[in-house]
C-alpha atoms as a PDB file:
ATOM      1  CA  MET A   1       0.000   0.000   0.000  1.00  0.00           C
ATOM      2  CA  SER A   2       2.888   2.396   0.620  1.00  0.00           C
ATOM      3  CA  ALA A   3       3.746   2.248  -3.101  1.00  0.00           C
ATOM      4  CA  LEU A   4       0.190   3.283  -4.005  1.00  0.00           C
ATOM      5  CA  TYR A   5       0.122   6.061  -1.388  1.00  0.00           C
ATOM      6  CA  THR A   6       3.484   7.320  -2.636  1.00  0.00           C
ATOM      7  CA  ILE A   7       2.353   7.459  -6.255  1.00  0.00           C
ATOM      8  CA  LEU A   8      -0.982   9.118  -5.407  1.00  0.00           C
ATOM      9  CA  LEU A   9       0.728  11.730  -3.236  1.00  0.00           C
ATOM     10  CA  LEU A  10       3.291  12.387  -5.978  1.00  0.00           C
ATOM     11  CA  LEU A  11       0.498  12.764  -8.512  1.00  0.00           C
ATOM     12  CA  ALA A  12      -1.379  15.257  -6.344  1.00  0.00           C
ATOM     13  CA  SER A  13       1.800  17.175  -5.506  1.00  0.00           C
ATOM     14  CA  ASN A  14       2.708  17.461  -9.175  1.00  0.00           C
ATOM     15  CA  ILE A  15      -0.706  18.872  -9.993  1.00  0.00           C
ATOM     16  CA  PHE A  16      -0.092  21.645  -7.457  1.00  0.00           C
ATOM     17  CA  MET A  17       3.445  22.234  -8.715  1.00  0.00           C
ATOM     18  CA  THR A  18       2.357  22.450 -12.341  1.00  0.00           C
ATOM     19  CA  LEU A  19      -0.276  24.984 -11.326  1.00  0.00           C
ATOM     20  CA  ALA A  20       2.331  26.946  -9.361  1.00  0.00           C
ATOM     21  CA  TRP A  21       4.819  26.953 -12.247  1.00  0.00           C
ATOM     22  CA  TYR A  22       2.495  27.434 -15.220  1.00  0.00           C
ATOM     23  CA  GLY A  23      -0.959  28.350 -13.911  1.00  0.00           C
ATOM     24  CA  HIS A  24      -0.127  32.057 -13.812  1.00  0.00           C
ATOM     25  CA  LEU A  25       0.479  31.937 -17.567  1.00  0.00           C
ATOM     26  CA  LYS A  26      -3.064  30.680 -18.118  1.00  0.00           C
ATOM     27  CA  LEU A  27      -4.429  33.256 -15.679  1.00  0.00           C
ATOM     28  CA  GLN A  28      -2.665  35.926 -17.704  1.00  0.00           C
ATOM     29  CA  ASN A  29      -4.149  34.531 -20.925  1.00  0.00           C
ATOM     30  CA  ILE A  30      -7.694  34.783 -19.552  1.00  0.00           C
ATOM     31  CA  GLY A  31      -7.145  38.314 -18.229  1.00  0.00           C
ATOM     32  CA  PHE A  32      -6.845  37.620 -14.485  1.00  0.00           C
ATOM     33  CA  PHE A  33      -3.328  39.082 -14.629  1.00  0.00           C
ATOM     34  CA  THR A  34      -1.959  41.665 -17.007  1.00  0.00           C
ATOM     35  CA  HIS A  35       1.590  42.478 -18.043  1.00  0.00           C
ATOM     36  CA  ALA A  36       1.372  45.272 -15.475  1.00  0.00           C
ATOM     37  CA  THR A  37       0.704  42.881 -12.569  1.00  0.00           C
ATOM     38  CA  PRO A  38       3.710  43.099 -10.250  1.00  0.00           C
ATOM     39  CA  LEU A  39       5.955  40.063 -10.576  1.00  0.00           C
ATOM     40  CA  ILE A  40       6.246  39.787  -6.782  1.00  0.00           C
ATOM     41  CA  PHE A  41       2.470  39.232  -6.583  1.00  0.00           C
ATOM     42  CA  VAL A  42       2.662  36.410  -9.123  1.00  0.00           C
ATOM     43  CA  ILE A  43       5.653  34.889  -7.296  1.00  0.00           C
ATOM     44  CA  LEU A  44       3.885  34.995  -3.930  1.00  0.00           C
ATOM     45  CA  LEU A  45       0.781  33.409  -5.431  1.00  0.00           C
ATOM     46  CA  SER A  46       2.922  30.646  -6.947  1.00  0.00           C
ATOM     47  CA  TRP A  47       4.671  30.087  -3.599  1.00  0.00           C
ATOM     48  CA  GLY A  48       1.291  29.800  -1.926  1.00  0.00           C
ATOM     49  CA  ILE A  49       0.288  27.079  -4.372  1.00  0.00           C
ATOM     50  CA  ALA A  50       3.690  25.387  -4.079  1.00  0.00           C
ATOM     51  CA  PHE A  51       3.213  25.147  -0.304  1.00  0.00           C
ATOM     52  CA  PHE A  52       0.553  22.502  -0.898  1.00  0.00           C
ATOM     53  CA  GLU A  53       2.884  20.698  -3.296  1.00  0.00           C
ATOM     54  CA  TYR A  54       5.456  20.389  -0.527  1.00  0.00           C
ATOM     55  CA  CYS A  55       2.798  19.233   1.932  1.00  0.00           C
ATOM     56  CA  LEU A  56       2.248  16.247  -0.384  1.00  0.00           C
ATOM     57  CA  GLN A  57       5.729  15.732  -1.869  1.00  0.00           C
ATOM     58  CA  VAL A  58       7.595  15.391   1.414  1.00  0.00           C
ATOM     59  CA  PRO A  59       5.261  12.729   2.856  1.00  0.00           C
ATOM     60  CA  ALA A  60       5.311  10.885  -0.488  1.00  0.00           C
ATOM     61  CA  ASN A  61       9.088  10.659  -0.385  1.00  0.00           C
ATOM     62  CA  ARG A  62       9.151   9.658   3.282  1.00  0.00           C
ATOM     63  CA  ILE A  63       6.517   6.954   2.789  1.00  0.00           C
ATOM     64  CA  GLY A  64       8.052   5.627  -0.421  1.00  0.00           C
ATOM     65  CA  PHE A  65      11.754   5.672   0.498  1.00  0.00           C
ATOM     66  CA  ALA A  66      13.277   2.266   1.230  1.00  0.00           C
ATOM     67  CA  GLY A  67      15.304   3.782   4.071  1.00  0.00           C
ATOM     68  CA  ASN A  68      12.004   4.483   5.854  1.00  0.00           C
ATOM     69  CA  GLY A  69      10.491   1.079   5.100  1.00  0.00           C
ATOM     70  CA  GLY A  70       9.020   2.027   1.719  1.00  0.00           C
ATOM     71  CA  PRO A  71       9.375   0.068  -1.499  1.00  0.00           C
ATOM     72  CA  PHE A  72      11.488   2.507  -3.568  1.00  0.00           C
ATOM     73  CA  THR A  73      15.128   3.486  -3.754  1.00  0.00           C
ATOM     74  CA  LEU A  74      15.976   7.160  -3.993  1.00  0.00           C
ATOM     75  CA  MET A  75      16.663   6.818  -7.734  1.00  0.00           C
ATOM     76  CA  GLN A  76      13.341   5.048  -8.280  1.00  0.00           C
ATOM     77  CA  LEU A  77      11.480   7.787  -6.405  1.00  0.00           C
ATOM     78  CA  LYS A  78      13.069  10.443  -8.593  1.00  0.00           C
ATOM     79  CA  VAL A  79      12.269   8.646 -11.849  1.00  0.00           C
ATOM     80  CA  ILE A  80       8.661   8.062 -10.726  1.00  0.00           C
ATOM     81  CA  GLN A  81       8.369  11.742  -9.862  1.00  0.00           C
ATOM     82  CA  GLU A  82       9.758  12.835 -13.235  1.00  0.00           C
ATOM     83  CA  VAL A  83       7.425  10.549 -15.175  1.00  0.00           C
ATOM     84  CA  ILE A  84       4.437  11.799 -13.171  1.00  0.00           C
ATOM     85  CA  THR A  85       5.589  15.392 -13.768  1.00  0.00           C
ATOM     86  CA  LEU A  86       5.654  14.800 -17.505  1.00  0.00           C
ATOM     87  CA  ILE A  87       2.219  13.157 -17.510  1.00  0.00           C
ATOM     88  CA  VAL A  88       0.692  15.983 -15.467  1.00  0.00           C
ATOM     89  CA  PHE A  89       2.377  18.638 -17.622  1.00  0.00           C
ATOM     90  CA  VAL A  90       1.221  17.041 -20.887  1.00  0.00           C
ATOM     91  CA  ALA A  91      -2.345  16.869 -19.574  1.00  0.00           C
ATOM     92  CA  PHE A  92      -2.201  20.454 -18.276  1.00  0.00           C
ATOM     93  CA  SER A  93      -0.752  21.873 -21.485  1.00  0.00           C
ATOM     94  CA  ALA A  94      -3.300  19.982 -23.590  1.00  0.00           C
ATOM     95  CA  ILE A  95      -6.258  21.109 -21.452  1.00  0.00           C
ATOM     96  CA  ALA A  96      -5.231  24.653 -20.501  1.00  0.00           C
ATOM     97  CA  PHE A  97      -3.278  25.702 -23.591  1.00  0.00           C
ATOM     98  CA  HIS A  98      -4.674  23.340 -26.253  1.00  0.00           C
ATOM     99  CA  MET A  99      -1.148  22.157 -27.103  1.00  0.00           C
ATOM    100  CA  GLN A 100      -0.888  19.366 -29.643  1.00  0.00           C
ATOM    101  CA  LEU A 101       1.183  16.288 -28.859  1.00  0.00           C
ATOM    102  CA  ARG A 102       3.704  15.767 -31.673  1.00  0.00           C
ATOM    103  CA  TRP A 103       5.907  12.834 -32.646  1.00  0.00           C
ATOM    104  CA  ASN A 104       8.960  14.184 -30.809  1.00  0.00           C
ATOM    105  CA  HIS A 105       6.921  14.469 -27.598  1.00  0.00           C
ATOM    106  CA  LEU A 106       5.898  10.820 -27.968  1.00  0.00           C
ATOM    107  CA  VAL A 107       9.530   9.814 -28.490  1.00  0.00           C
ATOM    108  CA  ALA A 108      10.448  11.669 -25.304  1.00  0.00           C
ATOM    109  CA  CYS A 109       7.701   9.797 -23.441  1.00  0.00           C
ATOM    110  CA  LEU A 110       9.035   6.488 -24.758  1.00  0.00           C
ATOM    111  CA  LEU A 111      12.510   7.402 -23.555  1.00  0.00           C
ATOM    112  CA  LEU A 112      11.098   8.096 -20.100  1.00  0.00           C
ATOM    113  CA  ILE A 113       9.441   4.690 -20.145  1.00  0.00           C
ATOM    114  CA  ALA A 114      12.862   3.280 -21.011  1.00  0.00           C
ATOM    115  CA  ALA A 115      14.302   5.165 -18.023  1.00  0.00           C
ATOM    116  CA  VAL A 116      11.724   3.517 -15.777  1.00  0.00           C
ATOM    117  CA  TYR A 117      12.666   0.122 -17.186  1.00  0.00           C
ATOM    118  CA  PHE A 118      16.360   0.689 -16.562  1.00  0.00           C
ATOM    119  CA  VAL A 119      15.867   2.057 -13.051  1.00  0.00           C
ATOM    120  CA  PHE A 120      13.475  -0.680 -11.951  1.00  0.00           C
ATOM    121  CA  GLY A 121      14.751  -3.539 -14.094  1.00  0.00           C
ATOM    122  CA  PHE A 122      18.269  -3.680 -12.704  1.00  0.00           C
ATOM    123  CA  GLU A 123      17.832  -2.898  -8.990  1.00  0.00           C
END
């Protein structure tokens, strides 16, 4: 169960982090922010969102880390997190910005799947 909890917490944390990193760009597109909005305001808003990311990311790593009784090595945790980050970002960019997935994006996804294979296949 700790593997499932770890992955779900990482998924939720990455949703918050993607919103913190890129959500302000969408808010600017829809007119919530303008170019005149002070950058410090946007930074503080992003930090506020990122706080919730950390509230989920830190427990995910503690639960999932083999040194704490979890099922994953540190390298495995990082690769899982990166793959989840890519999945969340692709979904966000497709939904919020109507970005099209192209062949080179698919190749990059396949290479990440290969990274998962190499990290988990030889431990």
